[in-house]
Amino acid sequence: MLRKIRLTLAVLFFLGVTLLFLDFSGSIHAWLGWMAKIQFLPAVLALNVGIVLALMILTLVLGRVYCSVICPLGVMQDIISWISGIRKKKQYRFSYSPEKKVLRYGMLGVFVVALLSGVGSLAALFAPYSSYGRIVQNLLSPVYQWGNNLLACFAERMDSYAFYETDVWMRSLPTFVIAAVTFIFLAILAWRNGRTYCNTICPVGTVLGFLSRFSLFRITIDESKCNACGLCSRRCKAACIDGKEHRVDYSRCVACMDCIDTCRHQAITYRWVRKNGENVRTGKNGPVNTGRIDETRRSFFTATAALATTAALKAQEMKVDGGLAVIEDKKIPERATAIVPPGALSARSFARHCTACQLCVSVCPNGVLRPSTDLTRLMQPEMSYERGYCRPECTKCSEVCPAGAIRPITVAEKSSIQIGHAVWVKENCVPLTDGVECGNCARHCPTGAIQMVASDPSNSESPKIPVVNTERCIGCGACENLCPARPFSAIYVEGHEVHRIV
């Protein structure tokens, strides 16, 4: 019964989080956006103390149910492992293995140091929620969008507009490669050994593993009923049950309940355990403590201190013209400072809080956000205006960010946040290069920051060129995107390190 409840909840969470990354319209976030916000690492980076405490209490009471129910990457590994078991017709293919302490704590140390030093791209490689987000956004989302476009094509022929076509394009080759390699790596581990990644590499699994040693409800083995058949060890995908010694490593147990359904003698139960200890089993005289309390207590305080320190420091195309002439694609200008979304406060704050999960990239309706290819900000979103511009009425990215990298803002607030300023490039401007009138940038500027003036002040009939009022410009990119100059726009946006209100 417990296993069925766990499986039901896990499937619901897995489908919900997956839909968040597939939902290019952003409508599902109004209903399921909370599923992203309760993920452990985004909650820590967003300083959502209530959520972090709730997840810690959940682990202290029930064990690592977060890993087996809420974490989408953990559930994905379970699905792959389950398929492997069916294909090989081997349900009992695992075996107990000792904890790899050096690897676990070493990976946690690297992760914490990367976060504290501001190397978000390195930390994002190991973050489970972020890894899953990149996998879905880069590998599954294009397939989903192609399917949507196919339905839109059929619907249009039936005079229905229930679906609409979307552009399917690769936002970043390096991020795509990283997502593909991550999926292949995890798939191989899960196919062969179940939860190896969760119990040797995942930093969130290691932190929650410290807490689960002290959980009130745990898997217990009744020695008076156990005949040491070893089926529980061979079924345990976390490799944490030593059937011969009747021991369970609670730091690696993900409370999947598979062992309970496997035991033919009802020797394994999930129940309240009053006595603290690393390995608790039930004998004829009651619960027996075979763990070393002092060691686990030290581990607990070490993990809590590292987590608290980390949290505290975080507080700081159009393709054709008229259907006839092919228009050359625009190229990305060389910006001295990358542009980060409104609500990010500053480039530094954004880099420190962003987990590179790609959720904001997946919901951006204008194709403005894309993963960075810069090594210092690898996979973290940045803005570019070749395919669209940041419309003043759109606040999608601020609505969905679970990590606090993009703070929630209103439409009114967005219109007054300056994320950059426009820069005019004389050599590319159409009135000067082709001798024709343009003024596209001035006509479409939502803040009226661009005016057309005579290129020769002494001749009012001279070609008109744009002049940018940098005090009014908010850096939305409408001028850059709608400029007819190719391949580089005659006006582009330079980002600001710190955003300000205009």
Protein backbone atom coordinates (compact mmCIF):
# COMPACT_ATOMS: atom_id res chain seq x y z
CA MET A 1 0.00 0.00 0.00
CA LEU A 2 2.79 2.42 0.94
CA ARG A 3 4.60 1.67 -2.29
CA LYS A 4 1.47 2.36 -4.36
CA ILE A 5 0.97 5.71 -2.62
CA ARG A 6 4.60 6.62 -3.22
CA LEU A 7 4.40 5.64 -6.91
CA THR A 8 1.19 7.62 -7.44
CA LEU A 9 2.64 10.77 -5.91
CA ALA A 10 5.92 10.33 -7.78
CA VAL A 11 4.14 10.04 -11.15
CA LEU A 12 2.05 13.15 -10.43
CA PHE A 13 5.09 15.22 -9.47
CA PHE A 14 7.12 13.91 -12.40
CA LEU A 15 4.42 14.72 -14.96
CA GLY A 16 3.74 18.10 -13.37
CA VAL A 17 7.36 19.28 -13.42
CA THR A 18 7.82 17.92 -16.95
CA LEU A 19 4.80 19.87 -18.18
CA LEU A 20 6.27 23.05 -16.71
CA PHE A 21 9.23 22.76 -19.07
CA LEU A 22 7.11 21.74 -22.06
CA ASP A 23 4.51 24.47 -21.61
CA PHE A 24 5.72 27.15 -24.05
CA SER A 25 2.56 29.21 -23.42
CA GLY A 26 3.22 29.52 -19.69
CA SER A 27 -0.43 28.78 -18.82
CA ILE A 28 0.31 25.65 -16.79
CA HIS A 29 2.56 27.59 -14.42
CA ALA A 30 -0.49 29.25 -12.88
CA TRP A 31 -1.55 25.82 -11.60
CA LEU A 32 1.66 23.86 -11.17
CA GLY A 33 4.35 26.50 -10.71
CA TRP A 34 4.61 25.59 -7.02
CA MET A 35 6.15 22.25 -8.01
CA ALA A 36 9.26 24.07 -9.23
CA LYS A 37 9.41 26.29 -6.18
CA ILE A 38 9.49 23.35 -3.73
CA GLN A 39 12.57 21.82 -5.34
CA PHE A 40 15.35 21.83 -2.75
CA LEU A 41 18.17 23.78 -4.39
CA PRO A 42 15.98 26.50 -5.98
CA ALA A 43 14.33 27.00 -2.59
CA VAL A 44 17.74 27.39 -0.93
CA LEU A 45 18.97 29.89 -3.51
CA ALA A 46 15.70 31.84 -3.35
CA LEU A 47 16.01 31.91 0.46
CA ASN A 48 12.53 30.41 0.78
CA VAL A 49 13.11 29.53 4.42
CA GLY A 50 9.64 28.07 4.86
CA ILE A 51 10.06 25.60 2.00
CA VAL A 52 13.60 24.63 3.01
CA LEU A 53 12.49 24.00 6.61
CA ALA A 54 9.46 22.04 5.38
CA LEU A 55 11.65 19.77 3.24
CA MET A 56 14.11 19.29 6.10
CA ILE A 57 11.29 18.43 8.50
CA LEU A 58 9.80 16.08 5.90
CA THR A 59 13.16 14.28 5.70
CA LEU A 60 13.59 14.17 9.49
CA VAL A 61 10.14 12.60 9.82
CA LEU A 62 9.81 10.30 6.78
CA GLY A 63 13.34 9.95 5.41
CA ARG A 64 14.40 10.76 1.86
CA VAL A 65 10.92 10.75 0.35
CA TYR A 66 11.89 13.97 -1.44
CA CYS A 67 14.30 11.97 -3.59
CA SER A 68 11.76 9.28 -4.47
CA VAL A 69 8.67 11.48 -4.90
CA ILE A 70 9.41 15.19 -5.48
CA CYS A 71 12.74 15.19 -7.35
CA PRO A 72 12.03 14.68 -11.09
CA LEU A 73 15.56 13.47 -11.82
CA GLY A 74 15.22 10.73 -9.19
CA VAL A 75 11.89 9.58 -10.62
CA MET A 76 13.38 9.61 -14.13
CA GLN A 77 16.11 7.24 -12.95
CA ASP A 78 13.48 4.99 -11.37
CA ILE A 79 11.61 4.81 -14.68
CA ILE A 80 14.78 3.89 -16.59
CA SER A 81 15.72 1.29 -13.97
CA TRP A 82 12.19 -0.17 -14.08
CA ILE A 83 12.34 -0.48 -17.88
CA SER A 84 15.71 -2.18 -17.54
CA GLY A 85 14.27 -4.69 -15.07
CA ILE A 86 11.35 -5.52 -17.35
CA ARG A 87 13.56 -5.85 -20.41
CA LYS A 88 16.03 -8.14 -18.64
CA LYS A 89 13.25 -9.90 -16.71
CA LYS A 90 15.33 -9.43 -13.59
CA GLN A 91 13.65 -7.71 -10.69
CA TYR A 92 16.34 -8.85 -8.28
CA ARG A 93 19.48 -7.58 -10.01
CA PHE A 94 21.00 -5.24 -7.39
CA SER A 95 23.32 -5.94 -4.48
CA TYR A 96 24.42 -4.20 -1.31
CA SER A 97 27.51 -1.99 -1.57
CA PRO A 98 29.21 0.12 1.11
CA GLU A 99 28.81 3.88 1.10
CA LYS A 100 31.33 5.78 -1.06
CA LYS A 101 31.99 8.46 1.53
CA VAL A 102 34.97 10.08 -0.15
CA LEU A 103 33.10 10.49 -3.43
CA ARG A 104 29.87 11.68 -1.81
CA TYR A 105 31.45 14.26 0.47
CA GLY A 106 33.96 15.29 -2.17
CA MET A 107 31.21 16.06 -4.69
CA LEU A 108 29.27 17.96 -2.01
CA GLY A 109 32.39 19.96 -1.19
CA VAL A 110 32.98 20.86 -4.84
CA PHE A 111 29.34 21.86 -5.18
CA VAL A 112 29.35 24.12 -2.11
CA VAL A 113 32.66 25.75 -3.10
CA ALA A 114 31.30 26.38 -6.62
CA LEU A 115 28.21 28.07 -5.18
CA LEU A 116 30.14 30.19 -2.71
CA SER A 117 32.68 31.27 -5.31
CA GLY A 118 29.96 32.23 -7.78
CA VAL A 119 30.81 29.58 -10.39
CA GLY A 120 27.17 28.82 -11.06
CA SER A 121 27.82 26.89 -14.26
CA LEU A 122 29.86 24.29 -12.36
CA ALA A 123 27.28 23.95 -9.60
CA ALA A 124 24.51 23.63 -12.21
CA LEU A 125 26.15 20.52 -13.65
CA PHE A 126 25.41 18.59 -10.43
CA ALA A 127 22.08 20.15 -9.43
CA PRO A 128 19.39 17.46 -9.96
CA TYR A 129 16.43 19.72 -10.72
CA SER A 130 18.48 21.85 -13.10
CA SER A 131 19.88 18.79 -14.87
CA TYR A 132 16.39 17.43 -15.43
CA GLY A 133 15.18 20.82 -16.68
CA ARG A 134 17.95 20.98 -19.27
CA ILE A 135 17.20 17.43 -20.41
CA VAL A 136 13.52 18.19 -20.97
CA GLN A 137 14.04 21.64 -22.49
CA ASN A 138 16.75 20.56 -24.92
CA LEU A 139 15.83 16.96 -25.78
CA LEU A 140 12.10 16.53 -25.18
CA SER A 141 10.70 20.02 -25.77
CA PRO A 142 11.55 20.12 -29.52
CA VAL A 143 9.69 16.84 -30.04
CA TYR A 144 6.74 18.20 -28.07
CA GLN A 145 6.71 21.41 -30.14
CA TRP A 146 6.91 19.51 -33.43
CA GLY A 147 3.89 17.49 -32.32
CA ASN A 148 2.08 20.71 -31.42
CA ASN A 149 2.90 22.19 -34.84
CA LEU A 150 1.54 19.09 -36.55
CA LEU A 151 -1.72 19.42 -34.64
CA ALA A 152 -1.81 23.14 -35.49
CA CYS A 153 -1.46 22.28 -39.18
CA PHE A 154 -4.40 19.86 -39.04
CA ALA A 155 -6.48 22.27 -36.94
CA GLU A 156 -5.90 25.11 -39.41
CA ARG A 157 -7.26 22.98 -42.26
CA MET A 158 -10.42 22.49 -40.22
CA ASP A 159 -10.68 26.24 -39.52
CA SER A 160 -9.80 25.70 -35.87
CA TYR A 161 -7.31 27.73 -33.86
CA ALA A 162 -7.09 25.47 -30.83
CA PHE A 163 -3.37 25.12 -31.56
CA TYR A 164 -0.82 27.55 -32.95
CA GLU A 165 2.59 26.93 -34.48
CA THR A 166 5.79 27.76 -32.61
CA ASP A 167 9.37 28.08 -33.81
CA VAL A 168 11.56 25.10 -33.02
CA TRP A 169 15.20 26.09 -32.82
CA MET A 170 18.37 25.25 -30.94
CA ARG A 171 19.01 27.94 -28.35
CA SER A 172 22.53 26.83 -27.45
CA LEU A 173 24.67 24.02 -28.88
CA PRO A 174 26.90 23.66 -25.76
CA THR A 175 23.87 23.39 -23.48
CA PHE A 176 22.28 20.84 -25.83
CA VAL A 177 25.45 18.74 -25.77
CA ILE A 178 25.66 18.95 -21.95
CA ALA A 179 22.00 17.92 -21.63
CA ALA A 180 22.50 14.97 -24.00
CA VAL A 181 25.66 13.78 -22.24
CA THR A 182 23.97 14.15 -18.84
CA PHE A 183 20.99 12.07 -19.96
CA ILE A 184 23.18 9.34 -21.45
CA PHE A 185 25.34 9.23 -18.32
CA LEU A 186 22.33 9.03 -15.98
CA ALA A 187 20.56 6.51 -18.20
CA ILE A 188 23.55 4.16 -18.16
CA LEU A 189 23.91 4.39 -14.37
CA ALA A 190 20.18 3.88 -13.76
CA TRP A 191 19.95 1.05 -16.31
CA ARG A 192 22.75 -0.86 -14.65
CA ASN A 193 22.66 0.12 -10.99
CA GLY A 194 19.51 2.08 -10.13
CA ARG A 195 20.15 5.04 -7.82
CA THR A 196 23.94 5.21 -8.10
CA TYR A 197 23.92 8.88 -9.11
CA CYS A 198 21.64 9.89 -6.22
CA ASN A 199 23.84 8.23 -3.61
CA THR A 200 27.32 9.05 -4.90
CA ILE A 201 27.20 12.30 -6.90
CA CYS A 202 24.01 14.28 -6.20
CA PRO A 203 24.75 17.01 -3.60
CA VAL A 204 21.09 17.32 -2.62
CA GLY A 205 20.95 13.57 -1.98
CA THR A 206 24.03 13.82 0.25
CA VAL A 207 22.60 16.70 2.30
CA LEU A 208 19.25 14.98 2.75
CA GLY A 209 21.13 11.76 3.52
CA PHE A 210 22.61 13.42 6.60
CA LEU A 211 19.14 14.33 7.82
CA SER A 212 17.57 10.96 7.00
CA ARG A 213 19.89 9.24 9.50
CA PHE A 214 17.72 10.86 12.18
CA SER A 215 14.32 10.31 10.56
CA LEU A 216 11.51 9.17 12.85
CA PHE A 217 10.01 6.71 10.36
CA ARG A 218 12.43 4.23 8.84
CA ILE A 219 12.71 0.87 7.17
CA THR A 220 13.35 -1.71 9.92
CA ILE A 221 14.26 -5.40 9.76
CA ASP A 222 12.83 -7.87 12.27
CA GLU A 223 15.56 -10.47 12.81
CA SER A 224 13.10 -12.90 14.38
CA LYS A 225 11.24 -13.13 11.05
CA CYS A 226 14.12 -12.64 8.60
CA ASN A 227 15.71 -15.78 7.15
CA ALA A 228 18.52 -13.84 5.41
CA CYS A 229 17.28 -14.76 1.94
CA GLY A 230 18.75 -11.52 0.56
CA LEU A 231 15.81 -10.63 -1.71
CA CYS A 232 15.55 -7.18 -0.15
CA SER A 233 19.20 -6.44 -0.96
CA ARG A 234 18.78 -7.65 -4.51
CA ARG A 235 15.69 -5.48 -5.00
CA CYS A 236 17.09 -2.33 -3.36
CA LYS A 237 18.00 0.14 -6.14
CA ALA A 238 19.81 2.31 -3.59
CA ALA A 239 22.13 -0.61 -2.65
CA CYS A 240 21.65 0.32 1.02
CA ILE A 241 20.28 -2.92 2.55
CA ASP A 242 22.74 -5.49 3.88
CA GLY A 243 20.44 -8.50 4.12
CA LYS A 244 23.02 -10.76 5.73
CA GLU A 245 23.78 -8.32 8.55
CA HIS A 246 20.20 -7.05 8.74
CA ARG A 247 21.35 -3.46 8.33
CA VAL A 248 19.98 -0.47 6.44
CA ASP A 249 22.07 2.57 5.53
CA TYR A 250 19.50 5.32 6.11
CA SER A 251 21.66 8.00 4.54
CA ARG A 252 21.15 6.27 1.17
CA CYS A 253 17.65 4.84 1.60
CA VAL A 254 15.16 6.79 -0.52
CA ALA A 255 12.08 5.22 1.13
CA CYS A 256 10.85 3.68 -2.12
CA MET A 257 9.15 0.81 -0.19
CA ASP A 258 10.24 -1.78 -2.77
CA CYS A 259 11.82 -3.91 -0.07
CA ILE A 260 8.58 -4.09 1.92
CA ASP A 261 6.68 -5.54 -1.04
CA THR A 262 9.56 -7.91 -1.78
CA CYS A 263 9.89 -9.52 1.65
CA ARG A 264 7.92 -12.77 1.78
CA HIS A 265 8.09 -13.07 5.55
CA GLN A 266 6.87 -9.60 6.53
CA ALA A 267 10.21 -9.02 8.23
CA ILE A 268 10.59 -5.50 6.79
CA THR A 269 8.39 -2.66 7.93
CA TYR A 270 8.33 1.12 7.69
CA ARG A 271 7.60 2.38 11.16
CA TRP A 272 8.32 4.86 13.92
CA VAL A 273 11.75 4.35 15.46
CA ARG A 274 12.34 6.17 18.74
CA LYS A 275 15.99 5.32 19.14
CA ASN A 276 18.62 7.25 17.17
CA GLY A 277 21.22 5.32 15.26
CA GLU A 278 22.71 4.75 11.86
CA ASN A 279 21.48 1.18 11.43
CA VAL A 280 18.39 0.16 13.34
CA ARG A 281 17.00 -3.32 13.29
CA THR A 282 14.45 -5.15 15.38
CA GLY A 283 15.48 -8.17 17.44
CA LYS A 284 13.72 -10.33 19.97
CA ASN A 285 14.30 -7.76 22.68
CA GLY A 286 13.20 -4.75 20.66
CA PRO A 287 15.06 -2.15 18.58
CA VAL A 288 18.80 -2.60 18.44
CA ASN A 289 21.18 0.30 17.79
CA THR A 290 24.25 -0.76 15.82
CA GLY A 291 25.33 2.65 14.50
CA ARG A 292 27.70 5.18 15.84
CA ILE A 293 25.66 8.13 17.04
CA ASP A 294 28.58 10.48 17.56
CA GLU A 295 29.75 10.06 13.97
CA THR A 296 26.34 10.69 12.47
CA ARG A 297 25.79 13.65 14.77
CA ARG A 298 29.01 15.23 13.57
CA SER A 299 28.00 14.57 9.98
CA PHE A 300 24.62 16.15 10.62
CA PHE A 301 26.07 19.33 12.07
CA THR A 302 28.66 19.54 9.29
CA ALA A 303 26.01 19.29 6.58
CA THR A 304 23.70 21.74 8.35
CA ALA A 305 26.50 24.27 8.76
CA ALA A 306 27.50 24.00 5.09
CA LEU A 307 23.89 24.39 3.99
CA ALA A 308 23.27 27.36 6.27
CA THR A 309 26.47 29.09 5.15
CA THR A 310 25.62 28.61 1.51
CA ALA A 311 22.08 29.94 1.98
CA ALA A 312 23.31 32.99 3.89
CA LEU A 313 25.87 33.95 1.25
CA LYS A 314 23.29 33.58 -1.50
CA ALA A 315 21.36 36.52 -0.08
CA GLN A 316 23.82 38.71 -1.68
CA GLU A 317 12.54 36.08 -37.87
CA MET A 318 10.97 36.78 -40.06
CA LYS A 319 12.61 34.66 -42.86
CA VAL A 320 11.15 36.29 -45.99
CA ASP A 321 10.22 39.81 -47.02
CA GLY A 322 6.73 39.92 -48.53
CA GLY A 323 6.99 36.19 -49.24
CA LEU A 324 9.59 36.77 -51.95
CA ALA A 325 13.05 38.00 -50.96
CA VAL A 326 15.03 35.96 -48.46
CA ILE A 327 16.21 38.03 -45.51
CA GLU A 328 19.64 37.30 -44.09
CA ASP A 329 19.65 36.12 -40.49
CA LYS A 330 20.79 38.58 -37.89
CA LYS A 331 23.98 37.93 -35.99
CA ILE A 332 24.52 38.44 -32.29
CA PRO A 333 26.49 41.63 -31.62
CA GLU A 334 29.50 41.56 -29.31
CA ARG A 335 28.22 42.96 -26.04
CA ALA A 336 30.67 44.10 -23.38
CA THR A 337 28.10 43.18 -20.72
CA ALA A 338 25.53 40.39 -21.04
CA ILE A 339 21.87 41.34 -20.67
CA VAL A 340 19.96 39.64 -17.85
CA PRO A 341 16.16 39.76 -17.48
CA PRO A 342 14.23 42.48 -15.63
CA GLY A 343 13.80 41.41 -12.02
CA ALA A 344 17.32 40.02 -11.80
CA LEU A 345 18.52 43.17 -9.95
CA SER A 346 22.07 42.77 -11.25
CA ALA A 347 24.29 40.44 -13.27
CA ARG A 348 26.08 39.37 -10.08
CA SER A 349 22.87 38.57 -8.21
CA PHE A 350 21.52 36.67 -11.21
CA ALA A 351 24.68 34.56 -11.58
CA ARG A 352 24.69 33.67 -7.88
CA HIS A 353 21.07 32.55 -7.71
CA CYS A 354 20.44 31.02 -11.14
CA THR A 355 20.50 27.20 -11.27
CA ALA A 356 20.46 27.11 -15.09
CA CYS A 357 17.33 24.95 -15.07
CA GLN A 358 16.10 26.59 -18.33
CA LEU A 359 12.53 27.03 -17.06
CA CYS A 360 12.50 30.72 -18.01
CA VAL A 361 13.98 29.86 -21.42
CA SER A 362 11.20 27.37 -22.10
CA VAL A 363 8.38 29.87 -21.36
CA CYS A 364 9.83 32.97 -23.04
CA PRO A 365 7.26 33.68 -25.79
CA ASN A 366 9.54 35.97 -27.79
CA GLY A 367 12.66 33.81 -28.15
CA VAL A 368 14.70 36.36 -26.22
CA LEU A 369 16.15 34.15 -23.50
CA ARG A 370 18.75 31.53 -24.36
CA PRO A 371 21.54 29.72 -22.46
CA SER A 372 24.86 31.52 -22.38
CA THR A 373 27.90 30.01 -24.08
CA ASP A 374 30.32 32.03 -21.97
CA LEU A 375 32.32 29.70 -19.70
CA THR A 376 31.78 31.90 -16.64
CA ARG A 377 28.00 31.85 -17.14
CA LEU A 378 27.64 28.60 -19.07
CA MET A 379 24.00 27.45 -19.39
CA GLN A 380 22.66 30.42 -17.41
CA PRO A 381 20.12 32.39 -19.48
CA GLU A 382 20.97 35.69 -21.11
CA MET A 383 19.00 37.95 -23.43
CA SER A 384 19.53 38.49 -27.14
CA TYR A 385 17.23 40.08 -29.70
CA GLU A 386 17.77 38.33 -33.03
CA ARG A 387 14.40 36.51 -32.95
CA GLY A 388 12.31 38.94 -30.91
CA TYR A 389 12.44 41.57 -28.22
CA CYS A 390 11.46 41.75 -24.56
CA ARG A 391 7.91 43.07 -24.74
CA PRO A 392 6.97 45.45 -21.90
CA GLU A 393 3.73 43.59 -21.20
CA CYS A 394 5.42 40.19 -20.69
CA THR A 395 6.60 39.07 -17.24
CA LYS A 396 6.66 35.30 -17.83
CA CYS A 397 10.26 34.69 -16.74
CA SER A 398 9.77 36.47 -13.42
CA GLU A 399 6.63 34.44 -12.77
CA VAL A 400 8.24 31.02 -13.18
CA CYS A 401 11.76 31.39 -11.71
CA PRO A 402 11.90 29.10 -8.65
CA ALA A 403 15.33 30.16 -7.41
CA GLY A 404 14.85 33.90 -6.95
CA ALA A 405 17.32 34.72 -9.72
CA ILE A 406 14.50 36.66 -11.41
CA ARG A 407 12.28 38.35 -8.83
CA PRO A 408 8.53 38.65 -9.50
CA ILE A 409 7.68 42.01 -11.08
CA THR A 410 4.53 43.66 -12.39
CA VAL A 411 4.03 45.02 -15.90
CA ALA A 412 4.25 48.55 -14.54
CA GLU A 413 7.53 47.80 -12.78
CA LYS A 414 9.02 46.18 -15.85
CA SER A 415 8.41 49.26 -17.98
CA SER A 416 10.60 51.28 -15.64
CA ILE A 417 13.49 48.84 -15.11
CA GLN A 418 16.58 49.66 -17.15
CA ILE A 419 18.47 46.45 -17.99
CA GLY A 420 20.65 48.09 -20.64
CA HIS A 421 20.76 50.91 -23.16
CA ALA A 422 20.74 51.15 -26.94
CA VAL A 423 23.92 51.99 -28.86
CA TRP A 424 23.81 53.35 -32.44
CA VAL A 425 26.28 51.99 -35.01
CA LYS A 426 26.72 54.59 -37.75
CA GLU A 427 28.37 52.21 -40.25
CA ASN A 428 25.27 49.96 -40.38
CA CYS A 429 22.46 52.52 -40.48
CA VAL A 430 20.26 52.20 -43.59
CA PRO A 431 19.66 55.95 -44.20
CA LEU A 432 23.43 56.46 -44.47
CA THR A 433 24.37 53.24 -46.27
CA ASP A 434 21.44 53.04 -48.72
CA GLY A 435 20.21 56.63 -48.77
CA VAL A 436 16.61 55.74 -47.82
CA GLU A 437 14.41 56.84 -44.97
CA CYS A 438 13.90 54.41 -42.10
CA GLY A 439 13.13 55.44 -38.52
CA ASN A 440 12.05 51.90 -37.58
CA CYS A 441 13.83 52.05 -34.24
CA ALA A 442 12.17 55.33 -33.21
CA ARG A 443 8.68 54.21 -34.28
CA HIS A 444 8.80 51.03 -32.22
CA CYS A 445 10.56 52.26 -29.09
CA PRO A 446 8.01 51.73 -26.26
CA THR A 447 9.56 54.42 -24.04
CA GLY A 448 10.17 57.10 -26.68
CA ALA A 449 13.89 57.01 -25.97
CA ILE A 450 14.86 57.29 -29.66
CA GLN A 451 14.34 60.33 -31.87
CA MET A 452 15.23 60.88 -35.52
CA VAL A 453 17.33 63.95 -36.24
CA ALA A 454 19.08 65.29 -39.33
CA SER A 455 22.47 63.71 -39.88
CA ASP A 456 23.81 67.11 -40.91
CA PRO A 457 22.67 69.75 -38.40
CA SER A 458 23.16 72.49 -40.97
CA ASN A 459 20.96 70.74 -43.54
CA SER A 460 17.43 69.86 -42.48
CA GLU A 461 16.95 67.80 -45.65
CA SER A 462 19.85 65.46 -44.85
CA PRO A 463 19.07 61.79 -44.02
CA LYS A 464 17.63 61.39 -40.52
CA ILE A 465 19.49 59.23 -38.04
CA PRO A 466 18.52 57.98 -34.56
CA VAL A 467 19.63 59.60 -31.32
CA VAL A 468 19.27 57.59 -28.13
CA ASN A 469 18.26 59.10 -24.80
CA THR A 470 20.05 56.63 -22.52
CA GLU A 471 18.19 57.98 -19.48
CA ARG A 472 14.85 56.80 -20.90
CA CYS A 473 15.98 53.63 -22.67
CA ILE A 474 15.16 50.43 -20.75
CA GLY A 475 17.05 48.01 -23.03
CA CYS A 476 14.00 46.05 -24.25
CA GLY A 477 15.66 45.42 -27.63
CA ALA A 478 12.74 46.47 -29.86
CA CYS A 479 15.07 48.76 -31.83
CA GLU A 480 17.71 46.06 -32.28
CA ASN A 481 15.23 43.38 -33.31
CA LEU A 482 13.23 45.54 -35.77
CA CYS A 483 16.21 47.24 -37.38
CA PRO A 484 16.26 46.25 -41.09
CA ALA A 485 20.08 46.30 -41.30
CA ARG A 486 21.67 42.87 -41.90
CA PRO A 487 23.53 40.88 -40.70
CA PHE A 488 24.26 43.27 -37.81
CA SER A 489 21.70 45.77 -36.61
CA ALA A 490 22.54 49.47 -36.78
CA ILE A 491 21.43 49.74 -33.17
CA TYR A 492 21.99 47.20 -30.42
CA VAL A 493 21.56 46.93 -26.65
CA GLU A 494 24.47 46.96 -24.25
CA GLY A 495 23.72 45.32 -20.90
CA HIS A 496 24.06 46.88 -17.46
CA GLU A 497 25.84 45.21 -14.55
CA VAL A 498 23.29 46.68 -12.14
CA HIS A 499 19.69 47.41 -13.09
CA ARG A 500 18.10 50.69 -12.14
CA ILE A 501 14.69 52.38 -12.19
CA VAL A 502 14.18 55.09 -14.82
